[in-house]
Amino acid sequence: MHSPPSERELSNAVKTFECRRGGVVCRAKITAETEEEVLRQAVEHARRVHGVDLTQAKTLARYAQSLVRDE
């Protein structure tokens, strides 16, 4: 039986962001040690590859943040 991860395990988890989770046809998988870093990289990726500025709309920024996962 699996027990839920401890707070320590969660704090040490690598954070990931994948465009495909947001319905975008893109194979990019961004990983970083913190949510802030993965979001920074995701914002840059969205701007450079998809021509979308996630910083211009709070709704898009919140949606992108909701797509960050622990790995």
C-alpha atoms as a PDB file:
ATOM      1  CA  MET A   1       0.000   0.000   0.000  1.00  0.00           C
ATOM      2  CA  HIS A   2       1.311   3.442  -0.948  1.00  0.00           C
ATOM      3  CA  SER A   3       1.315   6.202   1.630  1.00  0.00           C
ATOM      4  CA  PRO A   4       1.023   9.841   0.571  1.00  0.00           C
ATOM      5  CA  PRO A   5       4.329  11.692   0.138  1.00  0.00           C
ATOM      6  CA  SER A   6       5.673  13.492   3.169  1.00  0.00           C
ATOM      7  CA  GLU A   7       6.158  17.281   3.208  1.00  0.00           C
ATOM      8  CA  ARG A   8       9.886  16.721   2.870  1.00  0.00           C
ATOM      9  CA  GLU A   9       9.412  14.515  -0.183  1.00  0.00           C
ATOM     10  CA  LEU A  10       7.110  17.119  -1.733  1.00  0.00           C
ATOM     11  CA  SER A  11       9.565  19.945  -1.096  1.00  0.00           C
ATOM     12  CA  ASN A  12      12.336  17.924  -2.790  1.00  0.00           C
ATOM     13  CA  ALA A  13      10.207  17.010  -5.807  1.00  0.00           C
ATOM     14  CA  VAL A  14      11.233  18.267  -9.215  1.00  0.00           C
ATOM     15  CA  LYS A  15       8.622  20.566 -10.773  1.00  0.00           C
ATOM     16  CA  THR A  16       7.493  20.020 -14.360  1.00  0.00           C
ATOM     17  CA  PHE A  17       5.436  21.881 -16.945  1.00  0.00           C
ATOM     18  CA  GLU A  18       4.159  20.345 -20.182  1.00  0.00           C
ATOM     19  CA  CYS A  19       2.308  22.315 -22.860  1.00  0.00           C
ATOM     20  CA  ARG A  20       0.294  19.239 -23.822  1.00  0.00           C
ATOM     21  CA  ARG A  21      -1.419  19.287 -20.417  1.00  0.00           C
ATOM     22  CA  GLY A  22      -2.874  22.628 -21.435  1.00  0.00           C
ATOM     23  CA  GLY A  23      -4.192  21.301 -24.730  1.00  0.00           C
ATOM     24  CA  VAL A  24      -1.320  22.612 -26.851  1.00  0.00           C
ATOM     25  CA  VAL A  25       0.198  20.303 -29.453  1.00  0.00           C
ATOM     26  CA  CYS A  26       3.760  20.539 -28.164  1.00  0.00           C
ATOM     27  CA  ARG A  27       6.182  17.967 -26.786  1.00  0.00           C
ATOM     28  CA  ALA A  28       8.080  20.388 -24.553  1.00  0.00           C
ATOM     29  CA  LYS A  29       8.642  19.257 -20.980  1.00  0.00           C
ATOM     30  CA  ILE A  30      10.199  21.867 -18.732  1.00  0.00           C
ATOM     31  CA  THR A  31      11.735  20.792 -15.430  1.00  0.00           C
ATOM     32  CA  ALA A  32      13.217  22.779 -12.574  1.00  0.00           C
ATOM     33  CA  GLU A  33      13.734  22.499  -8.841  1.00  0.00           C
ATOM     34  CA  THR A  34      11.207  25.202  -7.935  1.00  0.00           C
ATOM     35  CA  GLU A  35       7.795  26.245  -9.190  1.00  0.00           C
ATOM     36  CA  GLU A  36       9.098  29.771  -9.761  1.00  0.00           C
ATOM     37  CA  GLU A  37      11.915  28.536 -12.005  1.00  0.00           C
ATOM     38  CA  VAL A  38       9.725  26.170 -14.007  1.00  0.00           C
ATOM     39  CA  LEU A  39       7.209  28.980 -14.542  1.00  0.00           C
ATOM     40  CA  ARG A  40       9.954  31.386 -15.626  1.00  0.00           C
ATOM     41  CA  GLN A  41      11.120  28.857 -18.205  1.00  0.00           C
ATOM     42  CA  ALA A  42       7.525  28.124 -19.292  1.00  0.00           C
ATOM     43  CA  VAL A  43       6.839  31.830 -19.837  1.00  0.00           C
ATOM     44  CA  GLU A  44       9.960  32.122 -21.998  1.00  0.00           C
ATOM     45  CA  HIS A  45       9.060  28.947 -23.929  1.00  0.00           C
ATOM     46  CA  ALA A  46       5.490  30.154 -24.565  1.00  0.00           C
ATOM     47  CA  ARG A  47       6.773  33.498 -25.841  1.00  0.00           C
ATOM     48  CA  ARG A  48       9.557  32.098 -28.017  1.00  0.00           C
ATOM     49  CA  VAL A  49       7.889  28.972 -29.433  1.00  0.00           C
ATOM     50  CA  HIS A  50       4.157  29.741 -29.353  1.00  0.00           C
ATOM     51  CA  GLY A  51       4.154  33.547 -29.603  1.00  0.00           C
ATOM     52  CA  VAL A  52       2.114  33.856 -26.398  1.00  0.00           C
ATOM     53  CA  ASP A  53       2.974  36.279 -23.598  1.00  0.00           C
ATOM     54  CA  LEU A  54       1.706  34.590 -20.434  1.00  0.00           C
ATOM     55  CA  THR A  55       2.574  37.672 -18.377  1.00  0.00           C
ATOM     56  CA  GLN A  56      -0.011  39.865 -20.141  1.00  0.00           C
ATOM     57  CA  ALA A  57      -3.111  38.097 -18.822  1.00  0.00           C
ATOM     58  CA  LYS A  58      -3.644  36.994 -15.220  1.00  0.00           C
ATOM     59  CA  THR A  59      -5.986  34.223 -16.362  1.00  0.00           C
ATOM     60  CA  LEU A  60      -3.310  32.714 -18.611  1.00  0.00           C
ATOM     61  CA  ALA A  61      -0.686  33.069 -15.886  1.00  0.00           C
ATOM     62  CA  ARG A  62      -2.895  31.285 -13.349  1.00  0.00           C
ATOM     63  CA  TYR A  63      -3.723  28.569 -15.869  1.00  0.00           C
ATOM     64  CA  ALA A  64      -0.031  28.001 -16.610  1.00  0.00           C
ATOM     65  CA  GLN A  65       0.670  27.822 -12.869  1.00  0.00           C
ATOM     66  CA  SER A  66      -2.078  25.203 -12.464  1.00  0.00           C
ATOM     67  CA  LEU A  67      -0.263  22.987 -14.987  1.00  0.00           C
ATOM     68  CA  VAL A  68       2.918  22.699 -12.884  1.00  0.00           C
ATOM     69  CA  ARG A  69       3.292  19.212 -11.419  1.00  0.00           C
ATOM     70  CA  ASP A  70       5.588  17.453  -8.982  1.00  0.00           C
ATOM     71  CA  GLU A  71       7.565  14.655 -10.556  1.00  0.00           C
END
